[in-house]
Amino acid sequence: MEIGGHTSRLGLAESEDGIHFARRPEPSLPADDSEKAANGREASRTPASLKRRRNYVLTYTQWNRQTYSVGIATSPDLLHWTKSVRISP
């Protein structure tokens, strides 16, 4: 496969014991139309999250085959995310 010829998304996996994980089938933070390339592919990578008071804050990078951007999203439960900031060069 050529470089950039795939889709990567941010997802969530859960574990009761920290050894065996079950991955949720849908991406946790799907791309909107402005974040997708013309062919519909997206690349969301390099996630980092922290809990701040009652919310989780996630930073991530994206590439839509034209430009890179950095995004910030928040969630009360790691399942429902609100994108708050996207920084593009």
PDB file of N, CA and C in Angstrom:
ATOM      1  N   MET A   1       0.843  -1.171   0.000  1.00  0.00           N
ATOM      2  CA  MET A   1       0.000   0.000   0.000  1.00  0.00           C
ATOM      3  C   MET A   1       0.891   1.237   0.000  1.00  0.00           C
ATOM      4  N   GLU A   2       0.501   2.239  -0.762  1.00  0.00           N
ATOM      5  CA  GLU A   2       1.277   3.469  -0.824  1.00  0.00           C
ATOM      6  C   GLU A   2       1.118   4.284   0.456  1.00  0.00           C
ATOM      7  N   ILE A   3       2.042   5.158   0.708  1.00  0.00           N
ATOM      8  CA  ILE A   3       1.948   6.036   1.872  1.00  0.00           C
ATOM      9  C   ILE A   3       0.732   6.940   1.706  1.00  0.00           C
ATOM     10  N   GLY A   4      -0.049   7.041   2.741  1.00  0.00           N
ATOM     11  CA  GLY A   4      -1.242   7.875   2.703  1.00  0.00           C
ATOM     12  C   GLY A   4      -2.438   7.204   2.067  1.00  0.00           C
ATOM     13  N   GLY A   5      -2.330   5.935   1.691  1.00  0.00           N
ATOM     14  CA  GLY A   5      -3.416   5.237   1.026  1.00  0.00           C
ATOM     15  C   GLY A   5      -4.350   4.526   1.980  1.00  0.00           C
ATOM     16  N   HIS A   6      -4.417   4.967   3.200  1.00  0.00           N
ATOM     17  CA  HIS A   6      -5.277   4.313   4.181  1.00  0.00           C
ATOM     18  C   HIS A   6      -5.962   5.369   5.055  1.00  0.00           C
ATOM     19  N   THR A   7      -6.851   4.910   5.878  1.00  0.00           N
ATOM     20  CA  THR A   7      -7.571   5.777   6.804  1.00  0.00           C
ATOM     21  C   THR A   7      -7.184   5.398   8.220  1.00  0.00           C
ATOM     22  N   SER A   8      -6.889   6.376   9.043  1.00  0.00           N
ATOM     23  CA  SER A   8      -6.662   6.111  10.464  1.00  0.00           C
ATOM     24  C   SER A   8      -7.597   7.011  11.255  1.00  0.00           C
ATOM     25  N   ARG A   9      -8.171   6.443  12.306  1.00  0.00           N
ATOM     26  CA  ARG A   9      -9.140   7.172  13.120  1.00  0.00           C
ATOM     27  C   ARG A   9      -8.859   6.925  14.592  1.00  0.00           C
ATOM     28  N   LEU A  10      -9.367   7.820  15.411  1.00  0.00           N
ATOM     29  CA  LEU A  10      -9.226   7.665  16.852  1.00  0.00           C
ATOM     30  C   LEU A  10     -10.414   6.868  17.376  1.00  0.00           C
ATOM     31  N   GLY A  11     -10.121   5.845  18.163  1.00  0.00           N
ATOM     32  CA  GLY A  11     -11.180   5.002  18.695  1.00  0.00           C
ATOM     33  C   GLY A  11     -11.006   4.785  20.188  1.00  0.00           C
ATOM     34  N   LEU A  12     -11.870   3.939  20.726  1.00  0.00           N
ATOM     35  CA  LEU A  12     -11.850   3.652  22.149  1.00  0.00           C
ATOM     36  C   LEU A  12     -11.874   2.149  22.356  1.00  0.00           C
ATOM     37  N   ALA A  13     -11.004   1.674  23.223  1.00  0.00           N
ATOM     38  CA  ALA A  13     -11.001   0.269  23.635  1.00  0.00           C
ATOM     39  C   ALA A  13     -11.157   0.238  25.146  1.00  0.00           C
ATOM     40  N   GLU A  14     -11.896  -0.737  25.646  1.00  0.00           N
ATOM     41  CA  GLU A  14     -12.161  -0.835  27.078  1.00  0.00           C
ATOM     42  C   GLU A  14     -11.654  -2.163  27.625  1.00  0.00           C
ATOM     43  N   SER A  15     -11.280  -2.149  28.905  1.00  0.00           N
ATOM     44  CA  SER A  15     -10.760  -3.351  29.536  1.00  0.00           C
ATOM     45  C   SER A  15     -11.167  -3.396  31.002  1.00  0.00           C
ATOM     46  N   GLU A  16     -11.498  -4.572  31.457  1.00  0.00           N
ATOM     47  CA  GLU A  16     -11.790  -4.776  32.882  1.00  0.00           C
ATOM     48  C   GLU A  16     -10.507  -5.045  33.666  1.00  0.00           C
ATOM     49  N   ASP A  17      -9.508  -5.681  33.006  1.00  0.00           N
ATOM     50  CA  ASP A  17      -8.309  -6.125  33.709  1.00  0.00           C
ATOM     51  C   ASP A  17      -7.012  -5.462  33.241  1.00  0.00           C
ATOM     52  N   GLY A  18      -7.071  -4.596  32.235  1.00  0.00           N
ATOM     53  CA  GLY A  18      -5.872  -3.948  31.721  1.00  0.00           C
ATOM     54  C   GLY A  18      -5.037  -4.834  30.816  1.00  0.00           C
ATOM     55  N   ILE A  19      -5.503  -6.040  30.539  1.00  0.00           N
ATOM     56  CA  ILE A  19      -4.789  -6.973  29.663  1.00  0.00           C
ATOM     57  C   ILE A  19      -5.601  -7.279  28.413  1.00  0.00           C
ATOM     58  N   HIS A  20      -6.870  -7.595  28.594  1.00  0.00           N
ATOM     59  CA  HIS A  20      -7.755  -7.938  27.486  1.00  0.00           C
ATOM     60  C   HIS A  20      -8.647  -6.738  27.170  1.00  0.00           C
ATOM     61  N   PHE A  21      -8.630  -6.291  25.917  1.00  0.00           N
ATOM     62  CA  PHE A  21      -9.359  -5.097  25.513  1.00  0.00           C
ATOM     63  C   PHE A  21     -10.413  -5.430  24.473  1.00  0.00           C
ATOM     64  N   ALA A  22     -11.516  -4.715  24.528  1.00  0.00           N
ATOM     65  CA  ALA A  22     -12.561  -4.800  23.511  1.00  0.00           C
ATOM     66  C   ALA A  22     -12.647  -3.441  22.830  1.00  0.00           C
ATOM     67  N   ARG A  23     -12.446  -3.434  21.521  1.00  0.00           N
ATOM     68  CA  ARG A  23     -12.463  -2.188  20.760  1.00  0.00           C
ATOM     69  C   ARG A  23     -13.883  -1.878  20.293  1.00  0.00           C
ATOM     70  N   ARG A  24     -14.304  -0.644  20.471  1.00  0.00           N
ATOM     71  CA  ARG A  24     -15.604  -0.219  19.952  1.00  0.00           C
ATOM     72  C   ARG A  24     -15.514  -0.114  18.432  1.00  0.00           C
ATOM     73  N   PRO A  25     -16.571  -0.486  17.715  1.00  0.00           N
ATOM     74  CA  PRO A  25     -16.491  -0.551  16.250  1.00  0.00           C
ATOM     75  C   PRO A  25     -16.450   0.802  15.544  1.00  0.00           C
ATOM     76  N   GLU A  26     -17.030   1.818  16.122  1.00  0.00           N
ATOM     77  CA  GLU A  26     -17.078   3.128  15.473  1.00  0.00           C
ATOM     78  C   GLU A  26     -15.991   4.048  16.017  1.00  0.00           C
ATOM     79  N   PRO A  27     -15.490   4.964  15.170  1.00  0.00           N
ATOM     80  CA  PRO A  27     -14.491   5.915  15.685  1.00  0.00           C
ATOM     81  C   PRO A  27     -15.094   6.819  16.755  1.00  0.00           C
ATOM     82  N   SER A  28     -14.289   7.165  17.726  1.00  0.00           N
ATOM     83  CA  SER A  28     -14.754   8.043  18.797  1.00  0.00           C
ATOM     84  C   SER A  28     -14.893   9.484  18.334  1.00  0.00           C
ATOM     85  N   LEU A  29     -14.051   9.877  17.419  1.00  0.00           N
ATOM     86  CA  LEU A  29     -14.014  11.263  16.969  1.00  0.00           C
ATOM     87  C   LEU A  29     -13.990  11.289  15.440  1.00  0.00           C
ATOM     88  N   PRO A  30     -15.133  11.039  14.781  1.00  0.00           N
ATOM     89  CA  PRO A  30     -15.134  10.993  13.322  1.00  0.00           C
ATOM     90  C   PRO A  30     -14.837  12.359  12.706  1.00  0.00           C
ATOM     91  N   ALA A  31     -14.250  12.337  11.535  1.00  0.00           N
ATOM     92  CA  ALA A  31     -13.924  13.573  10.833  1.00  0.00           C
ATOM     93  C   ALA A  31     -15.179  14.164  10.210  1.00  0.00           C
ATOM     94  N   ASP A  32     -15.262  15.493  10.198  1.00  0.00           N
ATOM     95  CA  ASP A  32     -16.345  16.125   9.457  1.00  0.00           C
ATOM     96  C   ASP A  32     -15.858  16.348   8.022  1.00  0.00           C
ATOM     97  N   ASP A  33     -16.716  16.837   7.155  1.00  0.00           N
ATOM     98  CA  ASP A  33     -16.385  16.936   5.734  1.00  0.00           C
ATOM     99  C   ASP A  33     -15.155  17.797   5.456  1.00  0.00           C
ATOM    100  N   SER A  34     -14.945  18.849   6.237  1.00  0.00           N
ATOM    101  CA  SER A  34     -13.798  19.726   5.989  1.00  0.00           C
ATOM    102  C   SER A  34     -12.481  19.058   6.369  1.00  0.00           C
ATOM    103  N   GLU A  35     -12.542  17.978   7.148  1.00  0.00           N
ATOM    104  CA  GLU A  35     -11.332  17.295   7.583  1.00  0.00           C
ATOM    105  C   GLU A  35     -10.988  16.098   6.721  1.00  0.00           C
ATOM    106  N   LYS A  36     -11.846  15.762   5.765  1.00  0.00           N
ATOM    107  CA  LYS A  36     -11.607  14.603   4.905  1.00  0.00           C
ATOM    108  C   LYS A  36     -10.972  15.032   3.597  1.00  0.00           C
ATOM    109  N   ALA A  37     -10.202  14.129   3.028  1.00  0.00           N
ATOM    110  CA  ALA A  37      -9.628  14.367   1.708  1.00  0.00           C
ATOM    111  C   ALA A  37     -10.719  14.186   0.661  1.00  0.00           C
ATOM    112  N   ALA A  38     -10.427  14.560  -0.564  1.00  0.00           N
ATOM    113  CA  ALA A  38     -11.404  14.444  -1.647  1.00  0.00           C
ATOM    114  C   ALA A  38     -11.878  13.004  -1.832  1.00  0.00           C
ATOM    115  N   ASN A  39     -11.034  12.029  -1.509  1.00  0.00           N
ATOM    116  CA  ASN A  39     -11.423  10.627  -1.661  1.00  0.00           C
ATOM    117  C   ASN A  39     -12.148  10.088  -0.430  1.00  0.00           C
ATOM    118  N   GLY A  40     -12.452  10.951   0.540  1.00  0.00           N
ATOM    119  CA  GLY A  40     -13.187  10.532   1.728  1.00  0.00           C
ATOM    120  C   GLY A  40     -12.326   9.979   2.843  1.00  0.00           C
ATOM    121  N   ARG A  41     -11.026   9.868   2.599  1.00  0.00           N
ATOM    122  CA  ARG A  41     -10.147   9.330   3.636  1.00  0.00           C
ATOM    123  C   ARG A  41      -9.749  10.411   4.615  1.00  0.00           C
ATOM    124  N   GLU A  42      -9.400   9.973   5.786  1.00  0.00           N
ATOM    125  CA  GLU A  42      -8.974  10.884   6.840  1.00  0.00           C
ATOM    126  C   GLU A  42      -7.834  10.244   7.609  1.00  0.00           C
ATOM    127  N   ALA A  43      -7.085  11.040   8.291  1.00  0.00           N
ATOM    128  CA  ALA A  43      -6.022  10.511   9.142  1.00  0.00           C
ATOM    129  C   ALA A  43      -6.002  11.330  10.419  1.00  0.00           C
ATOM    130  N   SER A  44      -6.386  10.719  11.512  1.00  0.00           N
ATOM    131  CA  SER A  44      -6.322  11.354  12.832  1.00  0.00           C
ATOM    132  C   SER A  44      -5.347  10.546  13.663  1.00  0.00           C
ATOM    133  N   ARG A  45      -4.332  11.210  14.179  1.00  0.00           N
ATOM    134  CA  ARG A  45      -3.265  10.495  14.881  1.00  0.00           C
ATOM    135  C   ARG A  45      -2.757  11.292  16.064  1.00  0.00           C
ATOM    136  N   THR A  46      -1.809  10.676  16.736  1.00  0.00           N
ATOM    137  CA  THR A  46      -1.056  11.278  17.821  1.00  0.00           C
ATOM    138  C   THR A  46      -1.965  11.830  18.917  1.00  0.00           C
ATOM    139  N   PRO A  47      -2.886  11.014  19.417  1.00  0.00           N
ATOM    140  CA  PRO A  47      -3.769  11.528  20.470  1.00  0.00           C
ATOM    141  C   PRO A  47      -3.058  11.641  21.814  1.00  0.00           C
ATOM    142  N   ALA A  48      -3.451  12.621  22.571  1.00  0.00           N
ATOM    143  CA  ALA A  48      -3.005  12.775  23.954  1.00  0.00           C
ATOM    144  C   ALA A  48      -4.200  13.300  24.729  1.00  0.00           C
ATOM    145  N   SER A  49      -4.529  12.657  25.833  1.00  0.00           N
ATOM    146  CA  SER A  49      -5.693  13.101  26.586  1.00  0.00           C
ATOM    147  C   SER A  49      -5.347  13.281  28.057  1.00  0.00           C
ATOM    148  N   LEU A  50      -6.133  14.109  28.703  1.00  0.00           N
ATOM    149  CA  LEU A  50      -6.000  14.312  30.136  1.00  0.00           C
ATOM    150  C   LEU A  50      -7.373  14.656  30.693  1.00  0.00           C
ATOM    151  N   LYS A  51      -7.537  14.456  31.962  1.00  0.00           N
ATOM    152  CA  LYS A  51      -8.796  14.811  32.601  1.00  0.00           C
ATOM    153  C   LYS A  51      -8.598  16.125  33.330  1.00  0.00           C
ATOM    154  N   ARG A  52      -9.462  17.076  33.022  1.00  0.00           N
ATOM    155  CA  ARG A  52      -9.405  18.390  33.651  1.00  0.00           C
ATOM    156  C   ARG A  52     -10.757  18.667  34.292  1.00  0.00           C
ATOM    157  N   ARG A  53     -10.772  18.687  35.568  1.00  0.00           N
ATOM    158  CA  ARG A  53     -12.014  18.809  36.348  1.00  0.00           C
ATOM    159  C   ARG A  53     -12.951  17.681  35.955  1.00  0.00           C
ATOM    160  N   ARG A  54     -14.077  17.983  35.334  1.00  0.00           N
ATOM    161  CA  ARG A  54     -15.049  16.934  35.006  1.00  0.00           C
ATOM    162  C   ARG A  54     -15.006  16.497  33.555  1.00  0.00           C
ATOM    163  N   ASN A  55     -14.107  17.054  32.757  1.00  0.00           N
ATOM    164  CA  ASN A  55     -14.036  16.731  31.338  1.00  0.00           C
ATOM    165  C   ASN A  55     -12.680  16.174  30.943  1.00  0.00           C
ATOM    166  N   TYR A  56     -12.692  15.385  29.890  1.00  0.00           N
ATOM    167  CA  TYR A  56     -11.466  14.924  29.264  1.00  0.00           C
ATOM    168  C   TYR A  56     -11.141  15.888  28.128  1.00  0.00           C
ATOM    169  N   VAL A  57      -9.868  16.179  27.959  1.00  0.00           N
ATOM    170  CA  VAL A  57      -9.397  17.049  26.884  1.00  0.00           C
ATOM    171  C   VAL A  57      -8.480  16.216  26.004  1.00  0.00           C
ATOM    172  N   LEU A  58      -8.724  16.254  24.705  1.00  0.00           N
ATOM    173  CA  LEU A  58      -7.962  15.464  23.743  1.00  0.00           C
ATOM    174  C   LEU A  58      -7.314  16.386  22.729  1.00  0.00           C
ATOM    175  N   THR A  59      -6.011  16.225  22.534  1.00  0.00           N
ATOM    176  CA  THR A  59      -5.345  16.882  21.416  1.00  0.00           C
ATOM    177  C   THR A  59      -4.989  15.798  20.411  1.00  0.00           C
ATOM    178  N   TYR A  60      -5.021  16.134  19.133  1.00  0.00           N
ATOM    179  CA  TYR A  60      -4.747  15.156  18.078  1.00  0.00           C
ATOM    180  C   TYR A  60      -4.286  15.887  16.824  1.00  0.00           C
ATOM    181  N   THR A  61      -3.641  15.169  15.946  1.00  0.00           N
ATOM    182  CA  THR A  61      -3.240  15.736  14.662  1.00  0.00           C
ATOM    183  C   THR A  61      -4.080  15.108  13.563  1.00  0.00           C
ATOM    184  N   GLN A  62      -4.255  15.851  12.468  1.00  0.00           N
ATOM    185  CA  GLN A  62      -5.007  15.354  11.321  1.00  0.00           C
ATOM    186  C   GLN A  62      -4.290  15.705  10.036  1.00  0.00           C
ATOM    187  N   TRP A  63      -4.551  14.895   9.023  1.00  0.00           N
ATOM    188  CA  TRP A  63      -4.029  15.148   7.682  1.00  0.00           C
ATOM    189  C   TRP A  63      -5.104  14.755   6.690  1.00  0.00           C
ATOM    190  N   ASN A  64      -5.500  15.660   5.809  1.00  0.00           N
ATOM    191  CA  ASN A  64      -6.510  15.348   4.805  1.00  0.00           C
ATOM    192  C   ASN A  64      -5.907  15.256   3.401  1.00  0.00           C
ATOM    193  N   ARG A  65      -4.628  14.923   3.336  1.00  0.00           N
ATOM    194  CA  ARG A  65      -3.857  14.778   2.105  1.00  0.00           C
ATOM    195  C   ARG A  65      -3.537  16.112   1.435  1.00  0.00           C
ATOM    196  N   GLN A  66      -3.942  17.214   2.074  1.00  0.00           N
ATOM    197  CA  GLN A  66      -3.604  18.537   1.559  1.00  0.00           C
ATOM    198  C   GLN A  66      -2.884  19.371   2.611  1.00  0.00           C
ATOM    199  N   THR A  67      -3.347  19.283   3.839  1.00  0.00           N
ATOM    200  CA  THR A  67      -2.754  20.076   4.908  1.00  0.00           C
ATOM    201  C   THR A  67      -2.862  19.344   6.236  1.00  0.00           C
ATOM    202  N   TYR A  68      -1.989  19.685   7.137  1.00  0.00           N
ATOM    203  CA  TYR A  68      -2.017  19.143   8.493  1.00  0.00           C
ATOM    204  C   TYR A  68      -2.738  20.131   9.402  1.00  0.00           C
ATOM    205  N   SER A  69      -3.317  19.619  10.464  1.00  0.00           N
ATOM    206  CA  SER A  69      -3.908  20.488  11.470  1.00  0.00           C
ATOM    207  C   SER A  69      -3.810  19.811  12.832  1.00  0.00           C
ATOM    208  N   VAL A  70      -3.971  20.615  13.865  1.00  0.00           N
ATOM    209  CA  VAL A  70      -4.006  20.124  15.236  1.00  0.00           C
ATOM    210  C   VAL A  70      -5.387  20.438  15.771  1.00  0.00           C
ATOM    211  N   GLY A  71      -6.008  19.466  16.421  1.00  0.00           N
ATOM    212  CA  GLY A  71      -7.350  19.675  16.955  1.00  0.00           C
ATOM    213  C   GLY A  71      -7.391  19.468  18.455  1.00  0.00           C
ATOM    214  N   ILE A  72      -8.386  20.076  19.069  1.00  0.00           N
ATOM    215  CA  ILE A  72      -8.655  19.896  20.485  1.00  0.00           C
ATOM    216  C   ILE A  72     -10.142  19.581  20.623  1.00  0.00           C
ATOM    217  N   ALA A  73     -10.453  18.554  21.406  1.00  0.00           N
ATOM    218  CA  ALA A  73     -11.841  18.174  21.647  1.00  0.00           C
ATOM    219  C   ALA A  73     -12.015  17.880  23.130  1.00  0.00           C
ATOM    220  N   THR A  74     -13.249  17.989  23.607  1.00  0.00           N
ATOM    221  CA  THR A  74     -13.549  17.704  25.007  1.00  0.00           C
ATOM    222  C   THR A  74     -14.684  16.694  25.116  1.00  0.00           C
ATOM    223  N   SER A  75     -14.697  15.952  26.220  1.00  0.00           N
ATOM    224  CA  SER A  75     -15.720  14.940  26.443  1.00  0.00           C
ATOM    225  C   SER A  75     -15.959  14.757  27.946  1.00  0.00           C
ATOM    226  N   PRO A  76     -17.213  14.560  28.348  1.00  0.00           N
ATOM    227  CA  PRO A  76     -17.475  14.268  29.752  1.00  0.00           C
ATOM    228  C   PRO A  76     -17.280  12.790  30.090  1.00  0.00           C
ATOM    229  N   ASP A  77     -17.250  11.913  29.049  1.00  0.00           N
ATOM    230  CA  ASP A  77     -17.288  10.472  29.304  1.00  0.00           C
ATOM    231  C   ASP A  77     -16.419   9.618  28.371  1.00  0.00           C
ATOM    232  N   LEU A  78     -15.602  10.218  27.548  1.00  0.00           N
ATOM    233  CA  LEU A  78     -14.759   9.542  26.553  1.00  0.00           C
ATOM    234  C   LEU A  78     -15.562   8.934  25.395  1.00  0.00           C
ATOM    235  N   LEU A  79     -16.866   9.106  25.382  1.00  0.00           N
ATOM    236  CA  LEU A  79     -17.707   8.576  24.303  1.00  0.00           C
ATOM    237  C   LEU A  79     -18.291   9.676  23.432  1.00  0.00           C
ATOM    238  N   HIS A  80     -18.673  10.768  24.017  1.00  0.00           N
ATOM    239  CA  HIS A  80     -19.310  11.877  23.310  1.00  0.00           C
ATOM    240  C   HIS A  80     -18.349  13.061  23.295  1.00  0.00           C
ATOM    241  N   TRP A  81     -17.872  13.423  22.103  1.00  0.00           N
ATOM    242  CA  TRP A  81     -16.836  14.442  21.966  1.00  0.00           C
ATOM    243  C   TRP A  81     -17.375  15.691  21.290  1.00  0.00           C
ATOM    244  N   THR A  82     -16.848  16.825  21.702  1.00  0.00           N
ATOM    245  CA  THR A  82     -17.142  18.106  21.065  1.00  0.00           C
ATOM    246  C   THR A  82     -15.817  18.690  20.599  1.00  0.00           C
ATOM    247  N   LYS A  83     -15.718  18.913  19.294  1.00  0.00           N
ATOM    248  CA  LYS A  83     -14.502  19.538  18.759  1.00  0.00           C
ATOM    249  C   LYS A  83     -14.576  21.029  19.059  1.00  0.00           C
ATOM    250  N   SER A  84     -13.517  21.539  19.665  1.00  0.00           N
ATOM    251  CA  SER A  84     -13.559  22.945  20.071  1.00  0.00           C
ATOM    252  C   SER A  84     -12.598  23.836  19.305  1.00  0.00           C
ATOM    253  N   VAL A  85     -11.453  23.299  18.910  1.00  0.00           N
ATOM    254  CA  VAL A  85     -10.453  24.127  18.225  1.00  0.00           C
ATOM    255  C   VAL A  85      -9.776  23.272  17.153  1.00  0.00           C
ATOM    256  N   ARG A  86      -9.529  23.889  15.997  1.00  0.00           N
ATOM    257  CA  ARG A  86      -8.683  23.252  14.982  1.00  0.00           C
ATOM    258  C   ARG A  86      -7.725  24.319  14.464  1.00  0.00           C
ATOM    259  N   ILE A  87      -6.457  23.999  14.518  1.00  0.00           N
ATOM    260  CA  ILE A  87      -5.418  24.939  14.121  1.00  0.00           C
ATOM    261  C   ILE A  87      -4.764  24.416  12.859  1.00  0.00           C
ATOM    262  N   SER A  88      -4.787  25.226  11.806  1.00  0.00           N
ATOM    263  CA  SER A  88      -4.157  24.848  10.533  1.00  0.00           C
ATOM    264  C   SER A  88      -3.070  25.854  10.210  1.00  0.00           C
ATOM    265  N   PRO A  89      -2.043  25.374   9.506  1.00  0.00           N
ATOM    266  CA  PRO A  89      -0.978  26.309   9.129  1.00  0.00           C
ATOM    267  C   PRO A  89      -1.460  27.330   8.108  1.00  0.00           C
TER     268      PRO A  89
END
